[in-house]
Amino acid sequence: MQDQPIQRNVAAEFDRAEREVLDLLLDPDAPGPWSVHEVGVALRSRVRAEDALSALHRAGLVHRCEEFVFASRPAMRCMQLADMK
């Protein structure tokens, strides 16, 4: 059985990275803006951070200004609504 490759769910890994970044940017105890480098350090991978930030930016959940990133108002509102549960 050791000859069988380990199955990875790449889509789930991307989703987790995006969630980690959003959690980081929306953390009230660590307000932004954050540098892309800082996000990469927090995720322990600059590449994962860049990929997640790009996807979140395309979705309108993150704003980018030069080397800095911060959560958009829609992302903040979504977090507020989720906290109402």
PDB file of N, CA and C in Angstrom:
ATOM      1  N   MET A   1       0.796  -1.195   0.000  1.00  0.00           N
ATOM      2  CA  MET A   1       0.000   0.000   0.000  1.00  0.00           C
ATOM      3  C   MET A   1       0.846   1.270   0.000  1.00  0.00           C
ATOM      4  N   GLN A   2       2.101   1.164   0.370  1.00  0.00           N
ATOM      5  CA  GLN A   2       2.941   2.344   0.410  1.00  0.00           C
ATOM      6  C   GLN A   2       3.267   2.857  -0.979  1.00  0.00           C
ATOM      7  N   ASP A   3       3.031   2.056  -1.998  1.00  0.00           N
ATOM      8  CA  ASP A   3       3.302   2.494  -3.364  1.00  0.00           C
ATOM      9  C   ASP A   3       2.235   3.456  -3.876  1.00  0.00           C
ATOM     10  N   GLN A   4       1.089   3.513  -3.206  1.00  0.00           N
ATOM     11  CA  GLN A   4       0.013   4.383  -3.660  1.00  0.00           C
ATOM     12  C   GLN A   4       0.298   5.822  -3.230  1.00  0.00           C
ATOM     13  N   PRO A   5       0.131   6.765  -4.165  1.00  0.00           N
ATOM     14  CA  PRO A   5       0.376   8.166  -3.812  1.00  0.00           C
ATOM     15  C   PRO A   5      -0.709   8.689  -2.859  1.00  0.00           C
ATOM     16  N   ILE A   6      -0.321   9.618  -2.037  1.00  0.00           N
ATOM     17  CA  ILE A   6      -1.272  10.259  -1.117  1.00  0.00           C
ATOM     18  C   ILE A   6      -2.142  11.220  -1.921  1.00  0.00           C
ATOM     19  N   GLN A   7      -3.434  11.084  -1.765  1.00  0.00           N
ATOM     20  CA  GLN A   7      -4.367  11.961  -2.472  1.00  0.00           C
ATOM     21  C   GLN A   7      -4.428  13.311  -1.761  1.00  0.00           C
ATOM     22  N   ARG A   8      -4.281  14.376  -2.525  1.00  0.00           N
ATOM     23  CA  ARG A   8      -4.368  15.727  -1.977  1.00  0.00           C
ATOM     24  C   ARG A   8      -5.568  16.422  -2.590  1.00  0.00           C
ATOM     25  N   ASN A   9      -6.286  17.117  -1.768  1.00  0.00           N
ATOM     26  CA  ASN A   9      -7.388  17.924  -2.266  1.00  0.00           C
ATOM     27  C   ASN A   9      -6.862  19.351  -2.403  1.00  0.00           C
ATOM     28  N   VAL A  10      -6.353  19.659  -3.585  1.00  0.00           N
ATOM     29  CA  VAL A  10      -5.698  20.943  -3.826  1.00  0.00           C
ATOM     30  C   VAL A  10      -6.690  22.089  -3.666  1.00  0.00           C
ATOM     31  N   ALA A  11      -7.905  21.912  -4.134  1.00  0.00           N
ATOM     32  CA  ALA A  11      -8.908  22.980  -4.015  1.00  0.00           C
ATOM     33  C   ALA A  11      -9.174  23.308  -2.548  1.00  0.00           C
ATOM     34  N   ALA A  12      -9.247  22.288  -1.713  1.00  0.00           N
ATOM     35  CA  ALA A  12      -9.473  22.518  -0.285  1.00  0.00           C
ATOM     36  C   ALA A  12      -8.282  23.229   0.343  1.00  0.00           C
ATOM     37  N   GLU A  13      -7.073  22.921  -0.118  1.00  0.00           N
ATOM     38  CA  GLU A  13      -5.880  23.596   0.396  1.00  0.00           C
ATOM     39  C   GLU A  13      -5.898  25.081   0.032  1.00  0.00           C
ATOM     40  N   PHE A  14      -6.307  25.406  -1.204  1.00  0.00           N
ATOM     41  CA  PHE A  14      -6.425  26.803  -1.610  1.00  0.00           C
ATOM     42  C   PHE A  14      -7.480  27.516  -0.775  1.00  0.00           C
ATOM     43  N   ASP A  15      -8.614  26.847  -0.557  1.00  0.00           N
ATOM     44  CA  ASP A  15      -9.681  27.438   0.263  1.00  0.00           C
ATOM     45  C   ASP A  15      -9.195  27.716   1.684  1.00  0.00           C
ATOM     46  N   ARG A  16      -8.448  26.774   2.249  1.00  0.00           N
ATOM     47  CA  ARG A  16      -7.918  26.962   3.609  1.00  0.00           C
ATOM     48  C   ARG A  16      -6.971  28.159   3.667  1.00  0.00           C
ATOM     49  N   ALA A  17      -6.133  28.295   2.664  1.00  0.00           N
ATOM     50  CA  ALA A  17      -5.189  29.415   2.634  1.00  0.00           C
ATOM     51  C   ALA A  17      -5.937  30.739   2.538  1.00  0.00           C
ATOM     52  N   GLU A  18      -6.980  30.794   1.705  1.00  0.00           N
ATOM     53  CA  GLU A  18      -7.774  32.013   1.592  1.00  0.00           C
ATOM     54  C   GLU A  18      -8.448  32.335   2.922  1.00  0.00           C
ATOM     55  N   ARG A  19      -8.972  31.318   3.579  1.00  0.00           N
ATOM     56  CA  ARG A  19      -9.626  31.524   4.871  1.00  0.00           C
ATOM     57  C   ARG A  19      -8.621  32.023   5.913  1.00  0.00           C
ATOM     58  N   GLU A  20      -7.422  31.450   5.914  1.00  0.00           N
ATOM     59  CA  GLU A  20      -6.386  31.894   6.852  1.00  0.00           C
ATOM     60  C   GLU A  20      -6.056  33.367   6.631  1.00  0.00           C
ATOM     61  N   VAL A  21      -5.938  33.761   5.370  1.00  0.00           N
ATOM     62  CA  VAL A  21      -5.614  35.154   5.064  1.00  0.00           C
ATOM     63  C   VAL A  21      -6.753  36.072   5.510  1.00  0.00           C
ATOM     64  N   LEU A  22      -7.990  35.696   5.202  1.00  0.00           N
ATOM     65  CA  LEU A  22      -9.124  36.528   5.628  1.00  0.00           C
ATOM     66  C   LEU A  22      -9.194  36.627   7.141  1.00  0.00           C
ATOM     67  N   ASP A  23      -8.994  35.521   7.829  1.00  0.00           N
ATOM     68  CA  ASP A  23      -9.004  35.548   9.292  1.00  0.00           C
ATOM     69  C   ASP A  23      -7.934  36.500   9.813  1.00  0.00           C
ATOM     70  N   LEU A  24      -6.782  36.478   9.178  1.00  0.00           N
ATOM     71  CA  LEU A  24      -5.679  37.343   9.577  1.00  0.00           C
ATOM     72  C   LEU A  24      -6.039  38.817   9.360  1.00  0.00           C
ATOM     73  N   LEU A  25      -6.556  39.121   8.177  1.00  0.00           N
ATOM     74  CA  LEU A  25      -6.866  40.512   7.835  1.00  0.00           C
ATOM     75  C   LEU A  25      -8.062  41.059   8.609  1.00  0.00           C
ATOM     76  N   LEU A  26      -8.932  40.170   9.065  1.00  0.00           N
ATOM     77  CA  LEU A  26     -10.128  40.605   9.787  1.00  0.00           C
ATOM     78  C   LEU A  26      -9.974  40.506  11.302  1.00  0.00           C
ATOM     79  N   ASP A  27      -8.819  40.101  11.769  1.00  0.00           N
ATOM     80  CA  ASP A  27      -8.582  39.956  13.205  1.00  0.00           C
ATOM     81  C   ASP A  27      -8.584  41.335  13.867  1.00  0.00           C
ATOM     82  N   PRO A  28      -9.549  41.602  14.765  1.00  0.00           N
ATOM     83  CA  PRO A  28      -9.614  42.928  15.400  1.00  0.00           C
ATOM     84  C   PRO A  28      -8.422  43.206  16.325  1.00  0.00           C
ATOM     85  N   ASP A  29      -7.730  42.170  16.751  1.00  0.00           N
ATOM     86  CA  ASP A  29      -6.564  42.357  17.618  1.00  0.00           C
ATOM     87  C   ASP A  29      -5.289  42.659  16.839  1.00  0.00           C
ATOM     88  N   ALA A  30      -5.346  42.522  15.535  1.00  0.00           N
ATOM     89  CA  ALA A  30      -4.176  42.782  14.690  1.00  0.00           C
ATOM     90  C   ALA A  30      -4.616  43.552  13.445  1.00  0.00           C
ATOM     91  N   PRO A  31      -5.054  44.788  13.641  1.00  0.00           N
ATOM     92  CA  PRO A  31      -5.579  45.540  12.498  1.00  0.00           C
ATOM     93  C   PRO A  31      -4.506  45.817  11.447  1.00  0.00           C
ATOM     94  N   GLY A  32      -4.948  45.907  10.214  1.00  0.00           N
ATOM     95  CA  GLY A  32      -4.043  46.142   9.099  1.00  0.00           C
ATOM     96  C   GLY A  32      -3.886  47.624   8.843  1.00  0.00           C
ATOM     97  N   PRO A  33      -3.345  47.962   7.722  1.00  0.00           N
ATOM     98  CA  PRO A  33      -3.014  47.042   6.632  1.00  0.00           C
ATOM     99  C   PRO A  33      -1.788  46.184   6.942  1.00  0.00           C
ATOM    100  N   TRP A  34      -1.722  45.080   6.219  1.00  0.00           N
ATOM    101  CA  TRP A  34      -0.612  44.138   6.334  1.00  0.00           C
ATOM    102  C   TRP A  34       0.212  44.216   5.057  1.00  0.00           C
ATOM    103  N   SER A  35       1.500  43.989   5.174  1.00  0.00           N
ATOM    104  CA  SER A  35       2.306  43.860   3.967  1.00  0.00           C
ATOM    105  C   SER A  35       2.156  42.426   3.452  1.00  0.00           C
ATOM    106  N   VAL A  36       2.371  42.259   2.164  1.00  0.00           N
ATOM    107  CA  VAL A  36       2.306  40.913   1.587  1.00  0.00           C
ATOM    108  C   VAL A  36       3.355  40.031   2.259  1.00  0.00           C
ATOM    109  N   HIS A  37       4.495  40.601   2.571  1.00  0.00           N
ATOM    110  CA  HIS A  37       5.551  39.844   3.267  1.00  0.00           C
ATOM    111  C   HIS A  37       5.052  39.342   4.621  1.00  0.00           C
ATOM    112  N   GLU A  38       4.381  40.196   5.393  1.00  0.00           N
ATOM    113  CA  GLU A  38       3.869  39.793   6.704  1.00  0.00           C
ATOM    114  C   GLU A  38       2.847  38.671   6.587  1.00  0.00           C
ATOM    115  N   VAL A  39       1.994  38.758   5.578  1.00  0.00           N
ATOM    116  CA  VAL A  39       1.014  37.693   5.358  1.00  0.00           C
ATOM    117  C   VAL A  39       1.738  36.394   5.021  1.00  0.00           C
ATOM    118  N   GLY A  40       2.772  36.472   4.192  1.00  0.00           N
ATOM    119  CA  GLY A  40       3.553  35.294   3.844  1.00  0.00           C
ATOM    120  C   GLY A  40       4.222  34.672   5.057  1.00  0.00           C
ATOM    121  N   VAL A  41       4.727  35.505   5.952  1.00  0.00           N
ATOM    122  CA  VAL A  41       5.348  34.998   7.180  1.00  0.00           C
ATOM    123  C   VAL A  41       4.295  34.312   8.042  1.00  0.00           C
ATOM    124  N   ALA A  42       3.126  34.927   8.165  1.00  0.00           N
ATOM    125  CA  ALA A  42       2.058  34.350   8.990  1.00  0.00           C
ATOM    126  C   ALA A  42       1.593  32.998   8.450  1.00  0.00           C
ATOM    127  N   LEU A  43       1.555  32.860   7.125  1.00  0.00           N
ATOM    128  CA  LEU A  43       1.149  31.591   6.508  1.00  0.00           C
ATOM    129  C   LEU A  43       2.322  30.630   6.329  1.00  0.00           C
ATOM    130  N   ARG A  44       3.522  31.087   6.649  1.00  0.00           N
ATOM    131  CA  ARG A  44       4.739  30.312   6.474  1.00  0.00           C
ATOM    132  C   ARG A  44       5.008  29.949   5.014  1.00  0.00           C
ATOM    133  N   SER A  45       4.462  30.781   4.098  1.00  0.00           N
ATOM    134  CA  SER A  45       4.705  30.556   2.677  1.00  0.00           C
ATOM    135  C   SER A  45       4.307  31.799   1.892  1.00  0.00           C
ATOM    136  N   ARG A  46       5.293  32.427   1.295  1.00  0.00           N
ATOM    137  CA  ARG A  46       5.013  33.619   0.481  1.00  0.00           C
ATOM    138  C   ARG A  46       4.149  33.244  -0.724  1.00  0.00           C
ATOM    139  N   VAL A  47       4.395  32.087  -1.311  1.00  0.00           N
ATOM    140  CA  VAL A  47       3.640  31.649  -2.494  1.00  0.00           C
ATOM    141  C   VAL A  47       2.172  31.419  -2.134  1.00  0.00           C
ATOM    142  N   ARG A  48       1.911  30.700  -1.027  1.00  0.00           N
ATOM    143  CA  ARG A  48       0.519  30.479  -0.587  1.00  0.00           C
ATOM    144  C   ARG A  48      -0.165  31.808  -0.319  1.00  0.00           C
ATOM    145  N   ALA A  49       0.555  32.730   0.304  1.00  0.00           N
ATOM    146  CA  ALA A  49      -0.010  34.039   0.612  1.00  0.00           C
ATOM    147  C   ALA A  49      -0.356  34.791  -0.671  1.00  0.00           C
ATOM    148  N   GLU A  50       0.558  34.820  -1.617  1.00  0.00           N
ATOM    149  CA  GLU A  50       0.319  35.512  -2.891  1.00  0.00           C
ATOM    150  C   GLU A  50      -0.875  34.919  -3.637  1.00  0.00           C
ATOM    151  N   ASP A  51      -0.930  33.582  -3.693  1.00  0.00           N
ATOM    152  CA  ASP A  51      -2.046  32.926  -4.382  1.00  0.00           C
ATOM    153  C   ASP A  51      -3.375  33.256  -3.713  1.00  0.00           C
ATOM    154  N   ALA A  52      -3.406  33.173  -2.388  1.00  0.00           N
ATOM    155  CA  ALA A  52      -4.637  33.458  -1.645  1.00  0.00           C
ATOM    156  C   ALA A  52      -5.035  34.921  -1.808  1.00  0.00           C
ATOM    157  N   LEU A  53      -4.077  35.824  -1.702  1.00  0.00           N
ATOM    158  CA  LEU A  53      -4.379  37.254  -1.843  1.00  0.00           C
ATOM    159  C   LEU A  53      -4.893  37.572  -3.241  1.00  0.00           C
ATOM    160  N   SER A  54      -4.312  36.958  -4.247  1.00  0.00           N
ATOM    161  CA  SER A  54      -4.776  37.190  -5.625  1.00  0.00           C
ATOM    162  C   SER A  54      -6.218  36.733  -5.795  1.00  0.00           C
ATOM    163  N   ALA A  55      -6.525  35.547  -5.281  1.00  0.00           N
ATOM    164  CA  ALA A  55      -7.896  35.021  -5.401  1.00  0.00           C
ATOM    165  C   ALA A  55      -8.881  35.889  -4.627  1.00  0.00           C
ATOM    166  N   LEU A  56      -8.509  36.304  -3.426  1.00  0.00           N
ATOM    167  CA  LEU A  56      -9.392  37.151  -2.621  1.00  0.00           C
ATOM    168  C   LEU A  56      -9.563  38.525  -3.253  1.00  0.00           C
ATOM    169  N   HIS A  57      -8.525  39.030  -3.876  1.00  0.00           N
ATOM    170  CA  HIS A  57      -8.617  40.325  -4.572  1.00  0.00           C
ATOM    171  C   HIS A  57      -9.573  40.222  -5.756  1.00  0.00           C
ATOM    172  N   ARG A  58      -9.457  39.151  -6.527  1.00  0.00           N
ATOM    173  CA  ARG A  58     -10.363  38.947  -7.667  1.00  0.00           C
ATOM    174  C   ARG A  58     -11.815  38.836  -7.205  1.00  0.00           C
ATOM    175  N   ALA A  59     -12.029  38.283  -6.011  1.00  0.00           N
ATOM    176  CA  ALA A  59     -13.375  38.118  -5.473  1.00  0.00           C
ATOM    177  C   ALA A  59     -13.899  39.403  -4.815  1.00  0.00           C
ATOM    178  N   GLY A  60     -13.050  40.417  -4.715  1.00  0.00           N
ATOM    179  CA  GLY A  60     -13.474  41.675  -4.121  1.00  0.00           C
ATOM    180  C   GLY A  60     -13.431  41.680  -2.600  1.00  0.00           C
ATOM    181  N   LEU A  61     -12.719  40.743  -2.004  1.00  0.00           N
ATOM    182  CA  LEU A  61     -12.668  40.650  -0.549  1.00  0.00           C
ATOM    183  C   LEU A  61     -11.417  41.270   0.051  1.00  0.00           C
ATOM    184  N   VAL A  62     -10.457  41.602  -0.802  1.00  0.00           N
ATOM    185  CA  VAL A  62      -9.206  42.201  -0.349  1.00  0.00           C
ATOM    186  C   VAL A  62      -8.850  43.352  -1.281  1.00  0.00           C
ATOM    187  N   HIS A  63      -8.372  44.437  -0.684  1.00  0.00           N
ATOM    188  CA  HIS A  63      -7.840  45.554  -1.456  1.00  0.00           C
ATOM    189  C   HIS A  63      -6.320  45.491  -1.394  1.00  0.00           C
ATOM    190  N   ARG A  64      -5.699  45.895  -2.498  1.00  0.00           N
ATOM    191  CA  ARG A  64      -4.235  45.941  -2.549  1.00  0.00           C
ATOM    192  C   ARG A  64      -3.814  47.363  -2.863  1.00  0.00           C
ATOM    193  N   CYS A  65      -2.799  47.814  -2.151  1.00  0.00           N
ATOM    194  CA  CYS A  65      -2.227  49.134  -2.389  1.00  0.00           C
ATOM    195  C   CYS A  65      -0.716  48.981  -2.300  1.00  0.00           C
ATOM    196  N   GLU A  66      -0.096  48.926  -3.470  1.00  0.00           N
ATOM    197  CA  GLU A  66       1.341  48.654  -3.527  1.00  0.00           C
ATOM    198  C   GLU A  66       1.621  47.299  -2.871  1.00  0.00           C
ATOM    199  N   GLU A  67       2.417  47.292  -1.814  1.00  0.00           N
ATOM    200  CA  GLU A  67       2.808  46.054  -1.132  1.00  0.00           C
ATOM    201  C   GLU A  67       1.901  45.752   0.065  1.00  0.00           C
ATOM    202  N   PHE A  68       0.842  46.539   0.238  1.00  0.00           N
ATOM    203  CA  PHE A  68      -0.022  46.373   1.404  1.00  0.00           C
ATOM    204  C   PHE A  68      -1.396  45.844   1.007  1.00  0.00           C
ATOM    205  N   VAL A  69      -2.001  45.093   1.933  1.00  0.00           N
ATOM    206  CA  VAL A  69      -3.323  44.512   1.699  1.00  0.00           C
ATOM    207  C   VAL A  69      -4.193  44.737   2.931  1.00  0.00           C
ATOM    208  N   PHE A  70      -5.495  44.827   2.699  1.00  0.00           N
ATOM    209  CA  PHE A  70      -6.447  44.929   3.797  1.00  0.00           C
ATOM    210  C   PHE A  70      -7.798  44.422   3.316  1.00  0.00           C
ATOM    211  N   ALA A  71      -8.621  44.009   4.256  1.00  0.00           N
ATOM    212  CA  ALA A  71      -9.928  43.438   3.929  1.00  0.00           C
ATOM    213  C   ALA A  71     -10.854  44.532   3.391  1.00  0.00           C
ATOM    214  N   SER A  72     -11.695  44.150   2.454  1.00  0.00           N
ATOM    215  CA  SER A  72     -12.672  45.082   1.898  1.00  0.00           C
ATOM    216  C   SER A  72     -13.882  45.185   2.824  1.00  0.00           C
ATOM    217  N   ARG A  73     -14.714  46.174   2.589  1.00  0.00           N
ATOM    218  CA  ARG A  73     -15.934  46.315   3.389  1.00  0.00           C
ATOM    219  C   ARG A  73     -16.859  45.111   3.264  1.00  0.00           C
ATOM    220  N   PRO A  74     -17.041  44.554   2.062  1.00  0.00           N
ATOM    221  CA  PRO A  74     -17.873  43.346   1.983  1.00  0.00           C
ATOM    222  C   PRO A  74     -17.339  42.197   2.837  1.00  0.00           C
ATOM    223  N   ALA A  75     -16.023  42.037   2.894  1.00  0.00           N
ATOM    224  CA  ALA A  75     -15.437  40.979   3.726  1.00  0.00           C
ATOM    225  C   ALA A  75     -15.722  41.257   5.195  1.00  0.00           C
ATOM    226  N   MET A  76     -15.579  42.518   5.603  1.00  0.00           N
ATOM    227  CA  MET A  76     -15.845  42.877   7.000  1.00  0.00           C
ATOM    228  C   MET A  76     -17.312  42.645   7.360  1.00  0.00           C
ATOM    229  N   ARG A  77     -18.206  43.005   6.444  1.00  0.00           N
ATOM    230  CA  ARG A  77     -19.639  42.824   6.703  1.00  0.00           C
ATOM    231  C   ARG A  77     -19.996  41.340   6.789  1.00  0.00           C
ATOM    232  N   CYS A  78     -19.401  40.539   5.938  1.00  0.00           N
ATOM    233  CA  CYS A  78     -19.637  39.093   5.971  1.00  0.00           C
ATOM    234  C   CYS A  78     -19.223  38.530   7.323  1.00  0.00           C
ATOM    235  N   MET A  79     -18.082  38.988   7.852  1.00  0.00           N
ATOM    236  CA  MET A  79     -17.637  38.526   9.149  1.00  0.00           C
ATOM    237  C   MET A  79     -18.628  38.945  10.236  1.00  0.00           C
ATOM    238  N   GLN A  80     -19.133  40.168  10.157  1.00  0.00           N
ATOM    239  CA  GLN A  80     -20.116  40.631  11.139  1.00  0.00           C
ATOM    240  C   GLN A  80     -21.363  39.761  11.132  1.00  0.00           C
ATOM    241  N   LEU A  81     -21.828  39.430   9.935  1.00  0.00           N
ATOM    242  CA  LEU A  81     -23.022  38.595   9.816  1.00  0.00           C
ATOM    243  C   LEU A  81     -22.754  37.179  10.335  1.00  0.00           C
ATOM    244  N   ALA A  82     -21.568  36.666  10.051  1.00  0.00           N
ATOM    245  CA  ALA A  82     -21.227  35.307  10.522  1.00  0.00           C
ATOM    246  C   ALA A  82     -21.141  35.274  12.043  1.00  0.00           C
ATOM    247  N   ASP A  83     -20.712  36.363  12.646  1.00  0.00           N
ATOM    248  CA  ASP A  83     -20.605  36.431  14.108  1.00  0.00           C
ATOM    249  C   ASP A  83     -21.971  36.496  14.792  1.00  0.00           C
ATOM    250  N   MET A  84     -23.026  36.761  14.034  1.00  0.00           N
ATOM    251  CA  MET A  84     -24.371  36.868  14.606  1.00  0.00           C
ATOM    252  C   MET A  84     -24.967  35.508  14.913  1.00  0.00           C
ATOM    253  N   LYS A  85     -24.370  34.446  14.415  1.00  0.00           N
ATOM    254  CA  LYS A  85     -24.910  33.097  14.601  1.00  0.00           C
ATOM    255  C   LYS A  85     -25.041  32.759  16.058  1.00  0.00           C
TER     256      LYS A  85
END
